[in-house]
Protein backbone atom coordinates (compact mmCIF):
# COMPACT_ATOMS: atom_id res chain seq x y z
CA MET A 1 217.35 -25.32 -43.35
CA THR A 2 213.75 -25.82 -42.52
CA ARG A 3 214.20 -28.33 -40.21
CA VAL A 4 216.76 -26.08 -38.31
CA ARG A 5 214.14 -23.31 -38.20
CA ALA A 6 211.75 -25.71 -37.07
CA LEU A 7 213.71 -27.09 -34.33
CA ILE A 8 214.55 -23.27 -33.22
CA ILE A 9 210.83 -21.95 -32.73
CA ALA A 10 210.08 -25.61 -31.14
CA SER A 11 212.64 -24.76 -28.33
CA HIS A 12 210.34 -21.44 -27.09
CA PRO A 13 213.44 -19.38 -27.71
CA GLY A 14 211.67 -16.73 -26.21
CA PRO A 15 211.48 -17.62 -22.50
CA CYS A 16 214.28 -19.97 -22.95
CA LEU A 17 216.59 -16.92 -23.83
CA ALA A 18 215.02 -14.71 -21.17
CA ILE A 19 215.56 -16.99 -18.21
CA THR A 20 219.40 -18.10 -19.31
CA ALA A 21 219.42 -14.04 -19.47
CA LEU A 22 218.62 -13.55 -16.01
CA ALA A 23 220.80 -16.73 -14.64
CA THR A 24 223.89 -15.25 -16.68
CA LEU A 25 223.05 -11.64 -14.91
CA LEU A 26 222.94 -12.52 -11.62
CA ALA A 27 226.03 -15.08 -12.07
CA ALA A 28 228.36 -12.27 -13.47
CA GLU A 29 227.10 -9.61 -10.36
CA ALA A 30 227.97 -12.63 -7.87
CA ALA A 31 231.35 -13.91 -9.19
CA PRO A 32 232.87 -11.54 -12.27
CA HIS A 33 235.95 -14.11 -12.36
CA GLY A 34 236.59 -17.52 -13.14
CA THR A 35 235.25 -20.22 -15.19
CA GLY A 36 232.02 -20.70 -13.61
CA PRO A 37 230.51 -17.47 -14.70
CA VAL A 38 231.80 -18.32 -18.34
CA LEU A 39 229.86 -21.74 -18.24
CA VAL A 40 226.71 -20.49 -16.79
CA ALA A 41 225.01 -18.87 -19.75
CA PRO A 42 225.85 -21.86 -22.08
CA ALA A 43 224.65 -24.68 -18.96
CA MET A 44 221.58 -22.37 -18.13
CA LEU A 45 220.87 -22.40 -22.10
CA ALA A 46 221.50 -26.47 -22.79
CA GLY A 47 219.04 -27.01 -19.66
CA GLN A 48 216.10 -24.30 -20.36
CA LEU A 49 216.87 -25.74 -24.47
CA SER A 50 215.92 -29.12 -23.29
CA VAL A 51 212.66 -28.16 -21.56
CA GLY A 52 211.58 -26.50 -24.89
CA TRP A 53 211.74 -29.16 -26.52
CA SER A 54 210.17 -31.70 -24.47
CA ASN A 55 207.38 -29.72 -23.71
CA ASP A 56 206.83 -29.45 -27.58
CA ALA A 57 207.44 -33.29 -27.76
CA CYS A 58 205.10 -34.10 -24.94
CA ASP A 59 202.19 -31.67 -26.21
CA ALA A 60 202.50 -32.77 -30.00
CA ALA A 61 199.25 -34.60 -30.01
CA ARG A 62 197.27 -32.40 -28.15
CA ASP A 63 198.38 -29.50 -30.28
CA ALA A 64 197.89 -31.35 -33.57
CA ALA A 65 194.35 -32.07 -32.14
CA ALA A 66 194.15 -27.94 -31.14
CA GLY A 67 195.18 -27.48 -34.96
CA ARG A 68 197.83 -25.11 -33.36
CA THR A 69 199.49 -23.55 -36.49
CA ASP A 70 202.86 -22.04 -34.49
CA LYS A 71 203.63 -25.30 -33.43
CA PRO A 72 206.47 -27.15 -35.60
CA VAL A 73 205.91 -30.26 -34.34
CA ALA A 74 202.27 -30.09 -34.77
CA ARG A 75 202.62 -28.81 -38.49
CA GLY A 76 204.78 -31.60 -39.11
CA ASP A 77 207.55 -29.40 -40.30
CA ILE A 78 209.88 -31.74 -37.77
CA SER A 79 208.97 -35.14 -36.15
CA VAL A 80 208.78 -35.96 -32.49
CA ARG A 81 211.60 -38.15 -32.46
CA ALA A 82 213.95 -35.21 -33.64
CA VAL A 83 212.66 -33.16 -30.96
CA TRP A 84 212.85 -35.77 -28.21
CA THR A 85 216.42 -36.65 -29.90
CA ALA A 86 217.41 -32.42 -29.61
CA ALA A 87 215.74 -32.32 -25.82
CA PHE A 88 217.99 -35.51 -24.74
CA VAL A 89 221.03 -34.20 -26.04
CA SER A 90 220.73 -30.38 -24.84
CA LEU A 91 220.12 -32.05 -21.33
CA ALA A 92 223.44 -34.40 -21.39
CA THR A 93 224.89 -31.00 -22.34
CA ALA A 94 223.55 -29.20 -19.18
CA ILE A 95 224.45 -31.82 -16.84
CA ALA A 96 228.05 -32.63 -18.40
CA LEU A 97 228.68 -28.34 -18.18
CA SER A 98 227.79 -27.39 -14.73
CA ALA A 99 229.61 -30.82 -13.49
CA VAL A 100 232.63 -28.94 -15.08
CA ILE A 101 231.52 -25.46 -12.63
CA SER A 102 230.56 -27.17 -9.23
CA TRP A 103 228.69 -30.12 -7.93
CA VAL A 104 226.81 -27.48 -6.43
CA THR A 105 225.93 -25.74 -9.53
CA LEU A 106 225.00 -30.02 -11.10
CA VAL A 107 222.66 -30.21 -8.13
CA VAL A 108 220.75 -26.84 -8.35
CA ASN A 109 220.57 -27.39 -12.25
CA LEU A 110 219.27 -30.34 -11.99
CA VAL A 111 216.61 -29.45 -9.71
CA ILE A 112 215.37 -26.53 -12.07
CA ILE A 113 215.45 -28.61 -15.32
CA ALA A 114 213.80 -31.92 -13.32
CA ALA A 115 210.82 -29.24 -12.34
CA ALA A 116 209.86 -28.05 -15.66
CA TRP A 117 210.37 -32.15 -17.06
CA ALA A 118 207.68 -32.97 -14.77
CA TYR A 119 205.54 -29.85 -15.57
CA ASN A 120 205.78 -30.88 -19.18
CA LEU A 121 205.64 -34.83 -18.58
CA GLY A 122 202.18 -34.49 -16.68
CA LEU A 123 201.95 -32.26 -13.52
CA LYS A 124 200.94 -29.36 -15.45
CA ALA A 125 197.39 -30.40 -15.61
CA THR A 126 197.71 -31.40 -11.87
CA SER A 127 197.53 -28.69 -8.71
CA TRP A 128 201.25 -28.92 -8.19
CA SER A 129 202.15 -27.28 -11.47
CA GLY A 130 202.18 -24.18 -9.36
CA LEU A 131 205.24 -26.01 -6.86
CA MET A 132 206.99 -26.64 -10.70
CA TYR A 133 207.24 -22.83 -11.27
CA VAL A 134 208.59 -22.05 -7.72
CA LEU A 135 211.24 -24.87 -8.20
CA GLY A 136 212.04 -23.45 -11.90
CA PHE A 137 213.12 -20.26 -10.69
CA ALA A 138 213.68 -19.74 -7.14
CA PRO A 139 216.86 -21.94 -7.23
CA ILE A 140 218.18 -19.34 -9.88
CA PRO A 141 219.79 -17.30 -7.46
CA TRP A 142 221.19 -20.22 -5.76
CA PHE A 143 222.28 -21.31 -9.30
CA ALA A 144 224.23 -17.95 -9.65
CA THR A 145 225.85 -18.05 -6.14
CA SER A 146 227.40 -21.68 -6.65
CA THR A 147 229.76 -19.88 -8.66
CA LEU A 148 231.67 -18.76 -5.96
CA PRO A 149 234.02 -20.17 -3.97
CA GLY A 150 232.79 -22.42 -1.15
CA HIS A 151 229.30 -21.97 -2.75
CA PRO A 152 227.41 -19.80 -0.21
CA ALA A 153 223.61 -20.03 -0.13
CA PRO A 154 221.86 -16.85 -1.50
CA ARG A 155 219.85 -14.43 1.02
CA LEU A 156 216.32 -15.97 1.73
CA ALA A 157 214.59 -12.78 0.71
CA VAL A 158 216.39 -12.81 -2.53
CA THR A 159 215.10 -16.77 -3.03
CA VAL A 160 211.97 -16.05 -2.06
CA ALA A 161 211.34 -13.32 -4.29
CA ALA A 162 212.42 -15.10 -7.51
CA GLY A 163 209.65 -18.29 -6.79
CA LEU A 164 207.27 -15.46 -6.64
CA VAL A 165 208.22 -14.08 -10.03
CA GLY A 166 208.15 -17.99 -11.15
CA LEU A 167 204.50 -18.72 -9.75
CA GLY A 168 203.65 -15.12 -11.23
CA ALA A 169 204.85 -15.98 -14.50
CA HIS A 170 202.99 -19.59 -14.52
CA PHE A 171 199.42 -17.65 -13.76
CA THR A 172 199.99 -15.12 -15.98
CA ASN A 173 201.49 -17.17 -18.99
CA VAL A 174 198.11 -19.45 -18.63
CA LEU A 175 195.51 -16.43 -18.67
CA PRO A 176 194.69 -16.57 -22.19
CA ASP A 177 194.75 -20.10 -23.16
CA LEU A 178 192.17 -20.81 -19.97
CA ALA A 179 189.50 -21.54 -22.13
CA ALA A 180 191.51 -23.80 -24.24
CA ASP A 181 193.32 -25.91 -21.30
CA ALA A 182 189.24 -26.46 -19.63
CA ARG A 183 188.44 -28.41 -23.29
CA ALA A 184 191.62 -29.83 -23.04
CA GLY A 185 191.35 -30.96 -19.54
CA VAL A 186 194.10 -29.25 -18.37
CA ARG A 187 193.48 -28.30 -14.32
CA GLY A 188 196.64 -26.52 -13.32
CA LEU A 189 197.13 -24.35 -10.59
CA PRO A 190 195.89 -21.38 -12.00
CA GLN A 191 193.19 -22.97 -14.30
CA ARG A 192 191.28 -24.44 -10.71
CA VAL A 193 191.46 -20.97 -9.25
CA ALA A 194 189.97 -19.39 -12.42
CA ALA A 195 187.54 -21.95 -12.64
CA ARG A 196 186.29 -21.68 -8.93
CA PHE A 197 186.83 -18.14 -8.56
CA GLY A 198 187.08 -16.44 -12.18
CA PRO A 199 189.43 -15.33 -14.78
CA VAL A 200 189.86 -12.89 -12.51
CA ALA A 201 190.81 -13.77 -9.67
CA ALA A 202 193.53 -15.39 -11.40
CA LYS A 203 194.95 -12.16 -12.60
CA GLY A 204 194.46 -10.96 -9.17
CA VAL A 205 196.89 -13.70 -8.21
CA ALA A 206 199.29 -12.98 -10.76
CA LEU A 207 199.45 -9.11 -9.60
CA THR A 208 200.08 -10.19 -6.06
CA LEU A 209 203.06 -12.82 -6.99
CA LEU A 210 205.01 -10.07 -9.24
CA LEU A 211 204.42 -6.91 -7.09
CA GLY A 212 205.31 -9.17 -3.97
CA ALA A 213 208.92 -9.93 -5.51
CA SER A 214 209.46 -6.83 -6.03
CA VAL A 215 208.10 -4.75 -2.45
CA LEU A 216 209.97 -7.87 -0.98
CA LEU A 217 213.51 -6.70 -2.67
CA LEU A 218 212.49 -3.00 -1.37
CA LEU A 219 212.08 -3.84 1.87
CA VAL A 220 215.21 -5.88 2.57
CA SER A 221 217.51 -3.47 0.00
CA SER A 222 220.05 -1.58 1.76
CA PRO A 223 218.79 2.15 2.78
CA GLY A 224 221.99 3.91 0.69
CA ARG A 225 220.33 2.28 -2.61
CA ARG A 226 216.85 1.86 -1.33
CA TRP A 227 216.15 4.60 -4.05
CA VAL A 228 217.13 1.84 -6.73
CA ALA A 229 214.45 -0.25 -5.31
CA VAL A 230 211.79 2.20 -5.54
CA VAL A 231 212.59 2.48 -9.00
CA GLY A 232 211.92 -0.72 -9.39
CA LEU A 233 208.90 -1.11 -7.66
CA CYS A 234 207.67 1.42 -10.27
CA GLY A 235 208.95 -0.12 -12.91
CA SER A 236 207.05 -4.23 -11.68
CA CYS A 237 204.00 -2.00 -11.25
CA VAL A 238 203.96 -1.15 -14.74
CA LEU A 239 204.83 -4.47 -15.84
CA ALA A 240 202.56 -6.18 -13.55
CA VAL A 241 199.40 -3.77 -15.02
CA VAL A 242 200.53 -5.11 -18.93
CA ALA A 243 200.71 -8.99 -17.64
CA ALA A 244 197.03 -8.83 -15.95
CA ARG A 245 195.56 -6.75 -19.38
CA GLY A 246 198.13 -7.58 -21.91
CA GLY A 247 196.89 -10.76 -24.27
CA GLY A 248 199.00 -13.61 -25.81
CA ARG A 249 202.26 -14.15 -25.23
CA VAL A 250 202.42 -10.58 -23.69
CA PRO A 251 201.64 -11.65 -19.99
CA PHE A 252 204.68 -14.03 -19.51
CA PHE A 253 207.58 -11.82 -20.93
CA ALA A 254 205.39 -8.99 -18.91
CA SER A 255 206.68 -11.07 -15.48
CA ILE A 256 210.06 -11.78 -17.24
CA GLY A 257 210.68 -8.24 -17.53
CA ILE A 258 209.34 -7.92 -13.69
CA ALA A 259 211.81 -10.70 -13.46
CA ALA A 260 214.87 -8.48 -14.97
CA VAL A 261 214.11 -5.76 -13.33
CA ASP A 262 215.25 -7.33 -10.21
CA VAL A 263 218.23 -8.43 -11.74
CA VAL A 264 218.81 -4.62 -12.77
CA LEU A 265 218.35 -3.98 -8.64
CA PHE A 266 221.12 -6.80 -8.12
CA ALA A 267 223.57 -6.05 -10.68
CA ALA A 268 223.12 -1.96 -9.47
CA GLY A 269 223.89 -2.93 -5.96
CA GLY A 270 220.48 -2.26 -4.61
CA GLU A 271 220.18 -6.15 -3.69
CA ALA A 272 223.44 -7.84 -2.63
CA LEU A 273 222.76 -11.85 -3.76
CA THR A 274 224.38 -13.40 -0.84
CA SER A 275 224.64 -12.41 3.39
CA ALA A 276 228.55 -12.34 3.02
CA ALA A 277 227.99 -9.55 0.36
CA LEU A 278 225.77 -7.86 2.18
CA ALA A 279 227.89 -7.61 5.34
CA SER A 280 231.28 -6.76 3.11
CA GLY A 281 228.88 -3.96 1.83
CA ALA A 282 228.35 -2.72 5.28
CA VAL A 283 232.04 -2.92 6.22
CA ALA A 284 232.92 -0.84 2.96
CA SER A 285 230.97 1.91 3.87
CA VAL A 286 231.85 2.21 7.50
CA SER A 287 235.18 1.52 6.81
CA GLY A 288 235.57 4.65 3.90
CA ALA A 289 233.41 6.86 6.45
CA SER A 290 236.29 6.14 8.77
CA ALA A 291 238.78 7.07 6.35
CA VAL A 292 236.77 10.71 5.67
CA LEU A 293 236.97 11.24 9.42
CA ALA A 294 240.58 10.12 9.59
CA SER A 295 241.17 12.63 6.77
CA GLY A 296 239.91 15.93 8.29
CA THR A 297 238.07 16.86 4.54
CA LEU A 298 234.81 17.24 6.11
CA PRO A 299 232.96 20.58 6.14
CA ALA A 300 233.79 22.81 9.15
CA TRP A 301 230.55 23.11 10.53
CA VAL A 302 231.03 19.22 11.35
CA TYR A 303 233.44 20.44 14.08
CA LEU A 304 231.45 23.63 15.45
CA PRO A 305 229.83 21.88 17.87
CA GLY A 306 233.04 20.45 19.50
CA VAL A 307 234.81 24.24 18.89
CA LEU A 308 231.94 25.33 20.93
CA ALA A 309 231.73 23.20 24.04
CA ALA A 310 235.99 23.44 23.63
CA GLY A 311 235.16 27.40 24.27
């Protein structure tokens, strides 16, 4: 039981489950029927588990040297070999499940996983760290739409918003560890910004990125549902402040919360994942208006100008 618990903790369960939930909700909104949405959650979960386990395996020596008692591998509760084994098994599972959904799903999930693994294997200490987070988040809408017939691409604005959330999550996630990262020689993009311009600048970048995603979704939302996007932006502003001022893991989860707000906008109809969905929504609105006109059930005052002109 101790080994199982250690393995669960080493998987980074919070971020792992949060990202899986985001992808699953998007997929459910894009394609509520069929086998694709059913397999989306386990496929994404398996991939994210491999990311979490590979992260702890890669950082085992550094965590042990730093005395990280919150890390099961560093404490000796589980071996590095066992964590690596779990990472590769979950990676193989993610590949198999994604392939069952579609070849596009497989490719997109591989991009997401590969970016995270590359980050874990060394790019976290370089200026390329930010790009890895963008590649880990921006394809999530594409992962969801890959379950649709024909595998349509998601709208560019949705993809950009997801990438902004990912990069914002990267900045907020490292804010509490800037001093420790400097001692360990980890110089990713946020650390370089903080070293050159100060921690306040790093927080400013995080706020700009996170709020930028919500503002973008507001700008491209449909007029009839814009109020939903406004509410979402207000919530994102609150969460962005929490991300900038919070400590520990609070910034990361606050940024995930902003992403969750955007997913709620998608699910509530405030934003369409694909251009086809947006077009069909517009056609439905026009058809609905035409039906009302044909039924003759509009209020009497609507016909008043015509009556006066006829008289």
